[in-house]
Amino acid sequence: MADLFEIYTTLYDHFGSQHWWPGDTALEIMVGAVLTQNTNWNNVSRALDNLKKDNLLSLEALVELPREVLADKIRPAGYYNIKAGRLKNLLDLVQGECDGSEDLHAFLEQDREALREKLLGVKGIGQETADSILLYAAGQPYFVVDAYTYRILLRHGLVPEGADYREIQELFHDNLEEDPAIFNEYHALLVRLGKTFCKKSKPLCSSCPLYSHEPLLDEYLS
């Protein structure tokens, strides 16, 4: 198996730091993690700007905001009615454990496994969203797995076809130091690679920074 840390350093040397996750506060990162489901970051950024413009990016303001108004504010992120519901579900969890925004960090600093279970218990919050919150908002060492991660590892023969989320995540947890900073940067670098070289169709393998990393499945060598 190719050395995962060697792959990380290759990508870092090629792309540099990706400065993820964009967000001024832990709450903004949490909101962004929900909004980014099934859309791109440009759309999420527009939705977040709508909330910022009206001073709505606080726990108190979002809790008080009617669901239909929230849906209208986040419209640029797509699936806005569904995402408004998911955000309200997440806010219900947070509000139930916090007296206000000042307690949000205490909420995020609780036992990481317990926090993950609570997040996964929120309707509309799956593993990728939960781990994005854990990694980027709480600074907990959970590797975030997405479609880019699966595609890149599959094409290099590092995971079998059909590998599930936890199987892929454990590959990183078992072979890398559990360092949130490395997990943060690595995930961002894989996304960058997937967007620029390891595309879903017509991947640019010959110019990819990982081209020399074996194994690369024969079907992608053309």
N, C-alpha and C. Protein backbone atom coordinates (compact mmCIF):
# COMPACT_ATOMS: atom_id res chain seq x y z
N MET A 1 0.84 -1.19 0.00
CA MET A 1 0.00 0.00 0.00
C MET A 1 0.88 1.24 0.00
N ALA A 2 0.49 2.21 -0.81
CA ALA A 2 1.21 3.47 -0.83
C ALA A 2 1.14 4.12 0.55
N ASP A 3 2.19 4.80 0.93
CA ASP A 3 2.25 5.45 2.22
C ASP A 3 1.34 6.67 2.21
N LEU A 4 0.35 6.68 3.11
CA LEU A 4 -0.61 7.77 3.12
C LEU A 4 0.02 9.11 3.47
N PHE A 5 1.03 9.09 4.33
CA PHE A 5 1.67 10.35 4.67
C PHE A 5 2.51 10.87 3.50
N GLU A 6 3.10 9.95 2.74
CA GLU A 6 3.86 10.36 1.55
C GLU A 6 2.92 11.00 0.52
N ILE A 7 1.74 10.43 0.38
CA ILE A 7 0.75 11.03 -0.52
C ILE A 7 0.38 12.43 -0.03
N TYR A 8 0.19 12.54 1.27
CA TYR A 8 -0.13 13.85 1.85
C TYR A 8 0.95 14.88 1.55
N THR A 9 2.20 14.52 1.77
CA THR A 9 3.28 15.48 1.54
C THR A 9 3.42 15.82 0.07
N THR A 10 3.16 14.85 -0.81
CA THR A 10 3.20 15.13 -2.25
C THR A 10 2.14 16.17 -2.62
N LEU A 11 0.94 15.98 -2.10
CA LEU A 11 -0.15 16.91 -2.40
C LEU A 11 0.13 18.28 -1.79
N TYR A 12 0.65 18.29 -0.58
CA TYR A 12 0.94 19.57 0.08
C TYR A 12 2.03 20.33 -0.68
N ASP A 13 3.05 19.60 -1.11
CA ASP A 13 4.13 20.25 -1.88
C ASP A 13 3.61 20.82 -3.19
N HIS A 14 2.63 20.14 -3.78
CA HIS A 14 2.11 20.58 -5.07
C HIS A 14 1.12 21.74 -4.94
N PHE A 15 0.18 21.62 -3.99
CA PHE A 15 -0.89 22.61 -3.89
C PHE A 15 -0.67 23.67 -2.81
N GLY A 16 0.10 23.34 -1.78
CA GLY A 16 0.23 24.24 -0.64
C GLY A 16 -0.98 24.14 0.27
N SER A 17 -0.97 24.94 1.33
CA SER A 17 -2.07 24.91 2.30
C SER A 17 -3.36 25.41 1.67
N GLN A 18 -4.47 24.73 2.01
CA GLN A 18 -5.77 25.09 1.45
C GLN A 18 -6.60 26.01 2.35
N HIS A 19 -6.11 26.23 3.58
CA HIS A 19 -6.75 27.17 4.51
C HIS A 19 -8.22 26.84 4.74
N TRP A 20 -8.48 25.58 5.06
CA TRP A 20 -9.84 25.15 5.37
C TRP A 20 -10.03 25.11 6.87
N TRP A 21 -11.22 25.21 7.42
CA TRP A 21 -12.49 25.42 6.76
C TRP A 21 -12.83 26.91 6.82
N PRO A 22 -13.31 27.54 5.76
CA PRO A 22 -13.67 28.96 5.84
C PRO A 22 -14.75 29.19 6.89
N GLY A 23 -14.52 30.12 7.78
CA GLY A 23 -15.52 30.42 8.81
C GLY A 23 -14.88 31.19 9.95
N ASP A 24 -15.57 32.21 10.41
CA ASP A 24 -15.03 33.06 11.48
C ASP A 24 -15.30 32.49 12.85
N THR A 25 -16.32 31.67 12.99
CA THR A 25 -16.70 31.11 14.28
C THR A 25 -17.03 29.63 14.14
N ALA A 26 -17.05 28.95 15.27
CA ALA A 26 -17.44 27.53 15.26
C ALA A 26 -18.86 27.36 14.75
N LEU A 27 -19.75 28.28 15.14
CA LEU A 27 -21.14 28.19 14.69
C LEU A 27 -21.24 28.34 13.18
N GLU A 28 -20.49 29.28 12.62
CA GLU A 28 -20.51 29.46 11.16
C GLU A 28 -20.04 28.20 10.45
N ILE A 29 -19.02 27.54 11.00
CA ILE A 29 -18.52 26.30 10.41
C ILE A 29 -19.60 25.21 10.48
N MET A 30 -20.30 25.14 11.59
CA MET A 30 -21.35 24.14 11.74
C MET A 30 -22.47 24.38 10.74
N VAL A 31 -22.88 25.63 10.60
CA VAL A 31 -23.92 25.96 9.63
C VAL A 31 -23.44 25.62 8.21
N GLY A 32 -22.19 25.98 7.92
CA GLY A 32 -21.63 25.70 6.60
C GLY A 32 -21.56 24.22 6.30
N ALA A 33 -21.30 23.41 7.32
CA ALA A 33 -21.22 21.96 7.12
C ALA A 33 -22.56 21.38 6.67
N VAL A 34 -23.65 21.95 7.17
CA VAL A 34 -24.98 21.50 6.75
C VAL A 34 -25.30 22.04 5.35
N LEU A 35 -24.98 23.30 5.13
CA LEU A 35 -25.33 23.93 3.85
C LEU A 35 -24.57 23.34 2.68
N THR A 36 -23.37 22.81 2.92
CA THR A 36 -22.55 22.33 1.80
C THR A 36 -22.99 20.97 1.27
N GLN A 37 -23.97 20.36 1.91
CA GLN A 37 -24.49 19.09 1.41
C GLN A 37 -25.06 19.29 0.00
N ASN A 38 -24.55 18.48 -0.94
CA ASN A 38 -25.07 18.47 -2.31
C ASN A 38 -24.98 19.81 -3.03
N THR A 39 -23.96 20.58 -2.73
CA THR A 39 -23.74 21.82 -3.47
C THR A 39 -22.28 22.20 -3.37
N ASN A 40 -21.89 23.29 -4.04
CA ASN A 40 -20.50 23.73 -3.98
C ASN A 40 -20.35 24.90 -3.02
N TRP A 41 -19.09 25.18 -2.68
CA TRP A 41 -18.85 26.16 -1.63
C TRP A 41 -19.23 27.57 -2.04
N ASN A 42 -19.18 27.90 -3.31
CA ASN A 42 -19.58 29.23 -3.74
C ASN A 42 -21.04 29.51 -3.36
N ASN A 43 -21.89 28.51 -3.53
CA ASN A 43 -23.29 28.67 -3.16
C ASN A 43 -23.46 28.79 -1.65
N VAL A 44 -22.69 28.00 -0.91
CA VAL A 44 -22.73 28.07 0.55
C VAL A 44 -22.29 29.45 1.02
N SER A 45 -21.22 29.96 0.42
CA SER A 45 -20.70 31.27 0.80
C SER A 45 -21.75 32.36 0.62
N ARG A 46 -22.50 32.27 -0.46
CA ARG A 46 -23.56 33.26 -0.71
C ARG A 46 -24.65 33.17 0.36
N ALA A 47 -24.99 31.95 0.74
CA ALA A 47 -26.01 31.76 1.78
C ALA A 47 -25.51 32.30 3.13
N LEU A 48 -24.26 32.02 3.45
CA LEU A 48 -23.68 32.52 4.71
C LEU A 48 -23.62 34.04 4.70
N ASP A 49 -23.29 34.62 3.57
CA ASP A 49 -23.25 36.09 3.47
C ASP A 49 -24.63 36.69 3.74
N ASN A 50 -25.68 36.02 3.27
CA ASN A 50 -27.04 36.50 3.56
C ASN A 50 -27.30 36.55 5.06
N LEU A 51 -26.85 35.52 5.77
CA LEU A 51 -27.05 35.48 7.21
C LEU A 51 -26.20 36.53 7.92
N LYS A 52 -24.95 36.68 7.46
CA LYS A 52 -24.07 37.67 8.07
C LYS A 52 -24.59 39.09 7.88
N LYS A 53 -25.08 39.35 6.69
CA LYS A 53 -25.55 40.70 6.35
C LYS A 53 -26.64 41.16 7.31
N ASP A 54 -27.45 40.22 7.77
CA ASP A 54 -28.55 40.55 8.67
C ASP A 54 -28.23 40.19 10.12
N ASN A 55 -26.93 39.98 10.41
CA ASN A 55 -26.49 39.68 11.78
C ASN A 55 -27.23 38.48 12.38
N LEU A 56 -27.36 37.43 11.59
CA LEU A 56 -28.10 36.25 12.01
C LEU A 56 -27.21 35.06 12.37
N LEU A 57 -25.89 35.24 12.26
CA LEU A 57 -25.00 34.11 12.55
C LEU A 57 -24.60 34.07 14.02
N SER A 58 -25.61 33.97 14.85
CA SER A 58 -25.41 33.71 16.27
C SER A 58 -26.41 32.65 16.69
N LEU A 59 -26.11 31.92 17.73
CA LEU A 59 -27.00 30.86 18.17
C LEU A 59 -28.37 31.42 18.53
N GLU A 60 -28.37 32.54 19.25
CA GLU A 60 -29.63 33.14 19.68
C GLU A 60 -30.48 33.56 18.48
N ALA A 61 -29.86 34.22 17.50
CA ALA A 61 -30.60 34.72 16.34
C ALA A 61 -31.15 33.57 15.50
N LEU A 62 -30.35 32.54 15.28
CA LEU A 62 -30.79 31.42 14.45
C LEU A 62 -31.90 30.63 15.12
N VAL A 63 -31.82 30.49 16.45
CA VAL A 63 -32.87 29.77 17.17
C VAL A 63 -34.20 30.51 17.05
N GLU A 64 -34.16 31.82 17.13
CA GLU A 64 -35.38 32.62 17.08
C GLU A 64 -35.92 32.80 15.67
N LEU A 65 -35.08 32.60 14.67
CA LEU A 65 -35.47 32.85 13.28
C LEU A 65 -36.50 31.83 12.83
N PRO A 66 -37.65 32.26 12.32
CA PRO A 66 -38.63 31.30 11.80
C PRO A 66 -38.03 30.46 10.68
N ARG A 67 -38.45 29.21 10.63
CA ARG A 67 -37.88 28.28 9.67
C ARG A 67 -38.03 28.78 8.24
N GLU A 68 -39.17 29.36 7.89
CA GLU A 68 -39.39 29.82 6.53
C GLU A 68 -38.48 31.00 6.18
N VAL A 69 -38.18 31.83 7.17
CA VAL A 69 -37.25 32.95 6.93
C VAL A 69 -35.84 32.41 6.75
N LEU A 70 -35.46 31.45 7.58
CA LEU A 70 -34.14 30.83 7.44
C LEU A 70 -34.00 30.19 6.06
N ALA A 71 -35.03 29.51 5.61
CA ALA A 71 -35.00 28.87 4.29
C ALA A 71 -34.76 29.91 3.20
N ASP A 72 -35.40 31.05 3.31
CA ASP A 72 -35.23 32.10 2.31
C ASP A 72 -33.80 32.65 2.33
N LYS A 73 -33.24 32.80 3.51
CA LYS A 73 -31.88 33.34 3.64
C LYS A 73 -30.84 32.40 3.03
N ILE A 74 -31.07 31.10 3.16
CA ILE A 74 -30.07 30.13 2.68
C ILE A 74 -30.41 29.60 1.29
N ARG A 75 -31.32 30.24 0.61
CA ARG A 75 -31.78 29.79 -0.70
C ARG A 75 -30.63 29.51 -1.67
N PRO A 76 -29.55 30.33 -1.72
CA PRO A 76 -28.47 30.06 -2.68
C PRO A 76 -27.82 28.69 -2.52
N ALA A 77 -27.91 28.08 -1.34
CA ALA A 77 -27.27 26.78 -1.09
C ALA A 77 -28.05 25.62 -1.67
N GLY A 78 -29.25 25.89 -2.19
CA GLY A 78 -30.05 24.81 -2.78
C GLY A 78 -30.71 23.94 -1.72
N TYR A 79 -31.79 23.25 -2.11
CA TYR A 79 -32.54 22.40 -1.18
C TYR A 79 -32.81 23.15 0.13
N TYR A 80 -33.15 24.42 -0.02
CA TYR A 80 -33.16 25.33 1.12
C TYR A 80 -34.21 24.97 2.17
N ASN A 81 -35.35 24.44 1.76
CA ASN A 81 -36.35 24.04 2.75
C ASN A 81 -35.86 22.84 3.57
N ILE A 82 -35.26 21.89 2.87
CA ILE A 82 -34.72 20.71 3.56
C ILE A 82 -33.58 21.12 4.50
N LYS A 83 -32.68 21.95 4.00
CA LYS A 83 -31.53 22.35 4.81
C LYS A 83 -31.93 23.23 5.98
N ALA A 84 -32.97 24.05 5.80
CA ALA A 84 -33.47 24.85 6.92
C ALA A 84 -33.97 23.92 8.03
N GLY A 85 -34.65 22.84 7.65
CA GLY A 85 -35.11 21.87 8.63
C GLY A 85 -33.95 21.19 9.34
N ARG A 86 -32.93 20.84 8.58
CA ARG A 86 -31.76 20.18 9.17
C ARG A 86 -31.02 21.12 10.11
N LEU A 87 -30.91 22.37 9.72
CA LEU A 87 -30.26 23.35 10.59
C LEU A 87 -31.06 23.53 11.88
N LYS A 88 -32.37 23.60 11.77
CA LYS A 88 -33.20 23.74 12.96
C LYS A 88 -33.05 22.51 13.87
N ASN A 89 -32.94 21.33 13.28
CA ASN A 89 -32.72 20.11 14.08
C ASN A 89 -31.40 20.20 14.83
N LEU A 90 -30.36 20.66 14.14
CA LEU A 90 -29.05 20.80 14.78
C LEU A 90 -29.10 21.86 15.87
N LEU A 91 -29.77 22.96 15.59
CA LEU A 91 -29.88 24.04 16.58
C LEU A 91 -30.64 23.59 17.81
N ASP A 92 -31.64 22.72 17.62
CA ASP A 92 -32.38 22.18 18.77
C ASP A 92 -31.45 21.40 19.69
N LEU A 93 -30.56 20.62 19.09
CA LEU A 93 -29.59 19.87 19.90
C LEU A 93 -28.67 20.83 20.65
N VAL A 94 -28.12 21.79 19.94
CA VAL A 94 -27.17 22.72 20.56
C VAL A 94 -27.87 23.54 21.65
N GLN A 95 -29.04 24.07 21.35
CA GLN A 95 -29.76 24.88 22.32
C GLN A 95 -30.10 24.08 23.57
N GLY A 96 -30.38 22.80 23.40
CA GLY A 96 -30.71 21.96 24.55
C GLY A 96 -29.56 21.77 25.50
N GLU A 97 -28.33 22.02 25.02
CA GLU A 97 -27.15 21.81 25.86
C GLU A 97 -26.39 23.09 26.17
N CYS A 98 -26.82 24.20 25.57
CA CYS A 98 -26.11 25.47 25.75
C CYS A 98 -27.08 26.54 26.22
N ASP A 99 -26.60 27.43 27.09
CA ASP A 99 -27.39 28.58 27.50
C ASP A 99 -27.24 29.74 26.53
N GLY A 100 -26.24 29.65 25.66
CA GLY A 100 -25.99 30.72 24.71
C GLY A 100 -24.74 30.44 23.93
N SER A 101 -24.37 31.34 23.05
CA SER A 101 -23.20 31.14 22.20
C SER A 101 -21.93 30.92 23.00
N GLU A 102 -21.88 31.53 24.22
CA GLU A 102 -20.67 31.38 25.02
C GLU A 102 -20.45 29.95 25.47
N ASP A 103 -21.52 29.12 25.45
CA ASP A 103 -21.40 27.73 25.88
C ASP A 103 -21.14 26.78 24.71
N LEU A 104 -21.11 27.32 23.50
CA LEU A 104 -20.96 26.46 22.33
C LEU A 104 -19.65 25.69 22.37
N HIS A 105 -18.58 26.36 22.80
CA HIS A 105 -17.29 25.68 22.83
C HIS A 105 -17.29 24.54 23.85
N ALA A 106 -17.96 24.72 24.96
CA ALA A 106 -18.08 23.63 25.93
C ALA A 106 -18.83 22.45 25.32
N PHE A 107 -19.85 22.74 24.54
CA PHE A 107 -20.60 21.70 23.83
C PHE A 107 -19.68 20.94 22.89
N LEU A 108 -18.82 21.66 22.17
CA LEU A 108 -17.94 21.04 21.20
C LEU A 108 -16.75 20.33 21.85
N GLU A 109 -16.44 20.67 23.09
CA GLU A 109 -15.28 20.08 23.76
C GLU A 109 -15.62 18.86 24.60
N GLN A 110 -16.87 18.42 24.56
CA GLN A 110 -17.24 17.23 25.32
C GLN A 110 -16.60 15.99 24.70
N ASP A 111 -16.72 14.86 25.37
CA ASP A 111 -16.16 13.61 24.87
C ASP A 111 -16.50 13.43 23.39
N ARG A 112 -15.47 13.19 22.58
CA ARG A 112 -15.66 13.22 21.13
C ARG A 112 -16.58 12.13 20.62
N GLU A 113 -16.50 10.94 21.20
CA GLU A 113 -17.39 9.87 20.74
C GLU A 113 -18.84 10.17 21.12
N ALA A 114 -19.02 10.72 22.32
CA ALA A 114 -20.37 11.08 22.74
C ALA A 114 -20.93 12.18 21.85
N LEU A 115 -20.09 13.15 21.51
CA LEU A 115 -20.53 14.24 20.65
C LEU A 115 -20.88 13.73 19.26
N ARG A 116 -20.07 12.81 18.74
CA ARG A 116 -20.37 12.26 17.42
C ARG A 116 -21.71 11.54 17.41
N GLU A 117 -21.97 10.78 18.45
CA GLU A 117 -23.24 10.07 18.53
C GLU A 117 -24.41 11.04 18.59
N LYS A 118 -24.24 12.13 19.33
CA LYS A 118 -25.31 13.13 19.41
C LYS A 118 -25.55 13.78 18.05
N LEU A 119 -24.49 14.10 17.35
CA LEU A 119 -24.64 14.72 16.03
C LEU A 119 -25.30 13.77 15.06
N LEU A 120 -24.90 12.51 15.09
CA LEU A 120 -25.49 11.52 14.19
C LEU A 120 -26.95 11.23 14.53
N GLY A 121 -27.34 11.59 15.75
CA GLY A 121 -28.73 11.41 16.15
C GLY A 121 -29.65 12.51 15.65
N VAL A 122 -29.07 13.55 15.06
CA VAL A 122 -29.85 14.66 14.52
C VAL A 122 -30.34 14.29 13.12
N LYS A 123 -31.62 14.41 12.90
CA LYS A 123 -32.19 14.08 11.59
C LYS A 123 -31.57 14.98 10.52
N GLY A 124 -31.02 14.34 9.49
CA GLY A 124 -30.41 15.08 8.39
C GLY A 124 -28.91 15.26 8.52
N ILE A 125 -28.32 14.79 9.64
CA ILE A 125 -26.87 14.88 9.83
C ILE A 125 -26.27 13.50 9.66
N GLY A 126 -25.53 13.30 8.57
CA GLY A 126 -24.86 12.03 8.32
C GLY A 126 -23.42 12.07 8.78
N GLN A 127 -22.69 11.03 8.46
CA GLN A 127 -21.32 10.91 8.95
C GLN A 127 -20.41 12.02 8.42
N GLU A 128 -20.53 12.34 7.14
CA GLU A 128 -19.65 13.36 6.58
C GLU A 128 -19.90 14.72 7.23
N THR A 129 -21.15 15.09 7.40
CA THR A 129 -21.48 16.36 8.04
C THR A 129 -21.06 16.37 9.50
N ALA A 130 -21.35 15.28 10.22
CA ALA A 130 -20.96 15.19 11.63
C ALA A 130 -19.45 15.31 11.79
N ASP A 131 -18.70 14.61 10.96
CA ASP A 131 -17.25 14.64 11.08
C ASP A 131 -16.67 15.98 10.63
N SER A 132 -17.34 16.66 9.70
CA SER A 132 -16.90 18.01 9.33
C SER A 132 -17.03 18.95 10.52
N ILE A 133 -18.13 18.82 11.25
CA ILE A 133 -18.33 19.63 12.46
C ILE A 133 -17.28 19.27 13.50
N LEU A 134 -17.06 17.97 13.70
CA LEU A 134 -16.09 17.52 14.70
C LEU A 134 -14.68 17.99 14.37
N LEU A 135 -14.29 17.87 13.12
CA LEU A 135 -12.92 18.23 12.73
C LEU A 135 -12.72 19.73 12.67
N TYR A 136 -13.60 20.41 11.94
CA TYR A 136 -13.35 21.82 11.64
C TYR A 136 -13.88 22.78 12.69
N ALA A 137 -14.96 22.42 13.37
CA ALA A 137 -15.50 23.31 14.41
C ALA A 137 -14.98 22.94 15.80
N ALA A 138 -14.86 21.61 16.06
CA ALA A 138 -14.46 21.16 17.39
C ALA A 138 -12.97 20.82 17.49
N GLY A 139 -12.28 20.72 16.34
CA GLY A 139 -10.86 20.38 16.37
C GLY A 139 -10.59 18.96 16.83
N GLN A 140 -11.55 18.06 16.59
CA GLN A 140 -11.41 16.66 16.98
C GLN A 140 -10.86 15.86 15.80
N PRO A 141 -10.00 14.87 16.07
CA PRO A 141 -9.34 14.13 14.98
C PRO A 141 -10.22 13.07 14.34
N TYR A 142 -11.16 13.52 13.51
CA TYR A 142 -11.96 12.62 12.69
C TYR A 142 -11.69 12.96 11.24
N PHE A 143 -11.26 11.97 10.47
CA PHE A 143 -11.01 12.23 9.06
C PHE A 143 -12.34 12.27 8.32
N VAL A 144 -12.54 13.31 7.54
CA VAL A 144 -13.78 13.48 6.78
C VAL A 144 -13.64 12.77 5.43
N VAL A 145 -14.55 11.88 5.17
CA VAL A 145 -14.54 11.10 3.93
C VAL A 145 -15.65 11.62 3.01
N ASP A 146 -15.30 11.89 1.78
CA ASP A 146 -16.30 12.33 0.81
C ASP A 146 -16.10 11.58 -0.50
N ALA A 147 -16.86 11.97 -1.52
CA ALA A 147 -16.78 11.29 -2.82
C ALA A 147 -15.40 11.42 -3.44
N TYR A 148 -14.74 12.55 -3.24
CA TYR A 148 -13.39 12.72 -3.78
C TYR A 148 -12.42 11.73 -3.14
N THR A 149 -12.52 11.58 -1.83
CA THR A 149 -11.64 10.64 -1.12
C THR A 149 -11.80 9.23 -1.66
N TYR A 150 -13.04 8.78 -1.76
CA TYR A 150 -13.31 7.43 -2.25
C TYR A 150 -12.79 7.26 -3.67
N ARG A 151 -13.04 8.22 -4.53
CA ARG A 151 -12.63 8.12 -5.93
C ARG A 151 -11.12 8.02 -6.06
N ILE A 152 -10.40 8.85 -5.35
CA ILE A 152 -8.93 8.86 -5.44
C ILE A 152 -8.34 7.57 -4.90
N LEU A 153 -8.81 7.14 -3.73
CA LEU A 153 -8.27 5.91 -3.13
C LEU A 153 -8.62 4.69 -3.97
N LEU A 154 -9.82 4.66 -4.52
CA LEU A 154 -10.23 3.53 -5.36
C LEU A 154 -9.35 3.45 -6.60
N ARG A 155 -9.11 4.56 -7.25
CA ARG A 155 -8.33 4.55 -8.48
C ARG A 155 -6.87 4.17 -8.23
N HIS A 156 -6.40 4.39 -7.01
CA HIS A 156 -5.03 4.00 -6.68
C HIS A 156 -4.98 2.64 -5.99
N GLY A 157 -6.10 1.94 -5.97
CA GLY A 157 -6.13 0.60 -5.42
C GLY A 157 -5.95 0.53 -3.92
N LEU A 158 -6.28 1.63 -3.23
CA LEU A 158 -6.08 1.68 -1.78
C LEU A 158 -7.31 1.24 -0.99
N VAL A 159 -8.46 1.25 -1.65
CA VAL A 159 -9.69 0.72 -1.04
C VAL A 159 -10.42 -0.10 -2.09
N PRO A 160 -11.20 -1.08 -1.68
CA PRO A 160 -11.96 -1.87 -2.64
C PRO A 160 -13.19 -1.12 -3.11
N GLU A 161 -13.70 -1.47 -4.26
CA GLU A 161 -14.93 -0.88 -4.75
C GLU A 161 -16.05 -1.17 -3.75
N GLY A 162 -16.82 -0.15 -3.43
CA GLY A 162 -17.91 -0.32 -2.49
C GLY A 162 -17.50 -0.13 -1.04
N ALA A 163 -16.25 0.27 -0.79
CA ALA A 163 -15.81 0.50 0.59
C ALA A 163 -16.71 1.54 1.25
N ASP A 164 -17.10 1.29 2.50
CA ASP A 164 -18.02 2.21 3.14
C ASP A 164 -17.25 3.31 3.88
N TYR A 165 -18.02 4.24 4.42
CA TYR A 165 -17.44 5.44 5.05
C TYR A 165 -16.45 5.08 6.15
N ARG A 166 -16.88 4.26 7.08
CA ARG A 166 -16.03 3.95 8.23
C ARG A 166 -14.79 3.16 7.81
N GLU A 167 -14.93 2.31 6.83
CA GLU A 167 -13.79 1.54 6.35
C GLU A 167 -12.71 2.48 5.79
N ILE A 168 -13.13 3.47 5.04
CA ILE A 168 -12.19 4.43 4.47
C ILE A 168 -11.61 5.31 5.57
N GLN A 169 -12.45 5.75 6.48
CA GLN A 169 -11.99 6.61 7.57
C GLN A 169 -10.95 5.90 8.42
N GLU A 170 -11.19 4.63 8.71
CA GLU A 170 -10.27 3.86 9.54
C GLU A 170 -8.91 3.68 8.87
N LEU A 171 -8.88 3.68 7.55
CA LEU A 171 -7.61 3.60 6.83
C LEU A 171 -6.72 4.77 7.23
N PHE A 172 -7.30 5.96 7.30
CA PHE A 172 -6.53 7.14 7.70
C PHE A 172 -6.22 7.12 9.19
N HIS A 173 -7.19 6.74 10.00
CA HIS A 173 -6.98 6.71 11.44
C HIS A 173 -5.92 5.69 11.84
N ASP A 174 -5.85 4.60 11.12
CA ASP A 174 -4.90 3.53 11.46
C ASP A 174 -3.50 3.80 10.94
N ASN A 175 -3.36 4.65 9.91
CA ASN A 175 -2.06 4.83 9.26
C ASN A 175 -1.47 6.22 9.40
N LEU A 176 -2.17 7.11 10.07
CA LEU A 176 -1.67 8.46 10.30
C LEU A 176 -1.80 8.80 11.77
N GLU A 177 -0.94 9.70 12.22
CA GLU A 177 -1.12 10.25 13.56
C GLU A 177 -2.46 10.97 13.62
N GLU A 178 -3.19 10.77 14.71
CA GLU A 178 -4.50 11.41 14.82
C GLU A 178 -4.31 12.88 15.18
N ASP A 179 -3.96 13.65 14.18
CA ASP A 179 -3.67 15.07 14.33
C ASP A 179 -4.73 15.85 13.57
N PRO A 180 -5.57 16.63 14.25
CA PRO A 180 -6.61 17.38 13.54
C PRO A 180 -6.07 18.28 12.43
N ALA A 181 -4.89 18.86 12.63
CA ALA A 181 -4.32 19.75 11.62
C ALA A 181 -4.00 18.98 10.33
N ILE A 182 -3.45 17.78 10.47
CA ILE A 182 -3.14 16.97 9.29
C ILE A 182 -4.44 16.48 8.63
N PHE A 183 -5.39 16.01 9.43
CA PHE A 183 -6.66 15.55 8.87
C PHE A 183 -7.36 16.69 8.14
N ASN A 184 -7.31 17.87 8.71
CA ASN A 184 -7.91 19.06 8.10
C ASN A 184 -7.30 19.31 6.73
N GLU A 185 -5.98 19.43 6.69
CA GLU A 185 -5.30 19.76 5.45
C GLU A 185 -5.41 18.64 4.43
N TYR A 186 -5.31 17.40 4.88
CA TYR A 186 -5.36 16.25 3.97
C TYR A 186 -6.70 16.20 3.25
N HIS A 187 -7.78 16.35 3.99
CA HIS A 187 -9.10 16.32 3.37
C HIS A 187 -9.22 17.42 2.32
N ALA A 188 -8.78 18.62 2.68
CA ALA A 188 -8.86 19.74 1.73
C ALA A 188 -8.03 19.48 0.49
N LEU A 189 -6.87 18.88 0.66
CA LEU A 189 -6.01 18.59 -0.48
C LEU A 189 -6.61 17.54 -1.39
N LEU A 190 -7.28 16.55 -0.83
CA LEU A 190 -7.94 15.53 -1.65
C LEU A 190 -9.09 16.15 -2.44
N VAL A 191 -9.81 17.06 -1.83
CA VAL A 191 -10.87 17.76 -2.57
C VAL A 191 -10.28 18.55 -3.73
N ARG A 192 -9.18 19.24 -3.46
CA ARG A 192 -8.52 20.01 -4.53
C ARG A 192 -8.06 19.09 -5.66
N LEU A 193 -7.47 17.96 -5.29
CA LEU A 193 -7.02 17.00 -6.30
C LEU A 193 -8.18 16.47 -7.12
N GLY A 194 -9.28 16.14 -6.44
CA GLY A 194 -10.44 15.59 -7.13
C GLY A 194 -11.07 16.58 -8.09
N LYS A 195 -11.02 17.85 -7.76
CA LYS A 195 -11.61 18.88 -8.62
C LYS A 195 -10.72 19.21 -9.82
N THR A 196 -9.40 19.13 -9.64
CA THR A 196 -8.50 19.59 -10.69
C THR A 196 -7.89 18.48 -11.53
N PHE A 197 -7.68 17.30 -10.97
CA PHE A 197 -7.03 16.22 -11.70
C PHE A 197 -7.85 14.92 -11.70
N CYS A 198 -8.22 14.45 -10.53
CA CYS A 198 -8.90 13.15 -10.42
C CYS A 198 -10.41 13.33 -10.59
N LYS A 199 -10.78 13.81 -11.77
CA LYS A 199 -12.17 14.12 -12.05
C LYS A 199 -12.99 12.85 -12.23
N LYS A 200 -14.30 13.00 -12.07
CA LYS A 200 -15.18 11.84 -12.18
C LYS A 200 -15.09 11.20 -13.56
N SER A 201 -15.05 12.02 -14.58
CA SER A 201 -14.85 11.53 -15.94
C SER A 201 -13.66 12.26 -16.55
N LYS A 202 -12.94 11.56 -17.40
CA LYS A 202 -11.75 12.10 -18.06
C LYS A 202 -10.72 12.65 -17.06
N PRO A 203 -10.28 11.80 -16.11
CA PRO A 203 -9.26 12.26 -15.16
C PRO A 203 -7.94 12.58 -15.87
N LEU A 204 -7.22 13.55 -15.33
CA LEU A 204 -5.96 14.00 -15.94
C LEU A 204 -4.79 13.29 -15.26
N CYS A 205 -4.74 11.99 -15.44
CA CYS A 205 -3.78 11.16 -14.69
C CYS A 205 -2.33 11.50 -15.00
N SER A 206 -1.99 11.71 -16.26
CA SER A 206 -0.59 11.87 -16.63
C SER A 206 0.02 13.14 -16.05
N SER A 207 -0.80 14.14 -15.74
CA SER A 207 -0.28 15.37 -15.15
C SER A 207 -0.58 15.49 -13.66
N CYS A 208 -1.21 14.46 -13.11
CA CYS A 208 -1.58 14.47 -11.69
C CYS A 208 -0.35 14.35 -10.81
N PRO A 209 -0.28 15.08 -9.70
CA PRO A 209 0.86 14.96 -8.79
C PRO A 209 1.02 13.58 -8.18
N LEU A 210 -0.05 12.77 -8.21
CA LEU A 210 0.03 11.41 -7.66
C LEU A 210 0.28 10.35 -8.73
N TYR A 211 0.59 10.77 -9.94
CA TYR A 211 0.75 9.81 -11.03
C TYR A 211 1.82 8.77 -10.72
N SER A 212 2.86 9.17 -10.04
CA SER A 212 3.97 8.25 -9.76
C SER A 212 3.70 7.34 -8.57
N HIS A 213 2.61 7.57 -7.86
CA HIS A 213 2.30 6.76 -6.69
C HIS A 213 1.56 5.50 -7.11
N GLU A 214 2.18 4.38 -6.90
CA GLU A 214 1.58 3.09 -7.23
C GLU A 214 0.81 2.57 -6.02
N PRO A 215 -0.17 1.70 -6.24
CA PRO A 215 -0.61 1.29 -7.58
C PRO A 215 -1.63 2.26 -8.15
N LEU A 216 -1.61 2.43 -9.44
CA LEU A 216 -2.64 3.18 -10.16
C LEU A 216 -3.30 2.18 -11.10
N LEU A 217 -4.59 2.01 -10.98
CA LEU A 217 -5.28 0.99 -11.75
C LEU A 217 -5.12 1.24 -13.24
N ASP A 218 -4.90 0.16 -13.98
CA ASP A 218 -4.60 0.25 -15.41
C ASP A 218 -5.62 1.04 -16.20
N GLU A 219 -6.88 0.95 -15.81
CA GLU A 219 -7.93 1.63 -16.59
C GLU A 219 -7.80 3.14 -16.54
N TYR A 220 -6.99 3.67 -15.58
CA TYR A 220 -6.83 5.11 -15.49
C TYR A 220 -5.46 5.58 -16.00
N LEU A 221 -4.72 4.69 -16.60
CA LEU A 221 -3.38 5.05 -17.07
C LEU A 221 -3.36 5.56 -18.50
N SER A 222 -4.47 5.47 -19.18
CA SER A 222 -4.52 5.91 -20.59
C SER A 222 -4.55 7.43 -20.70
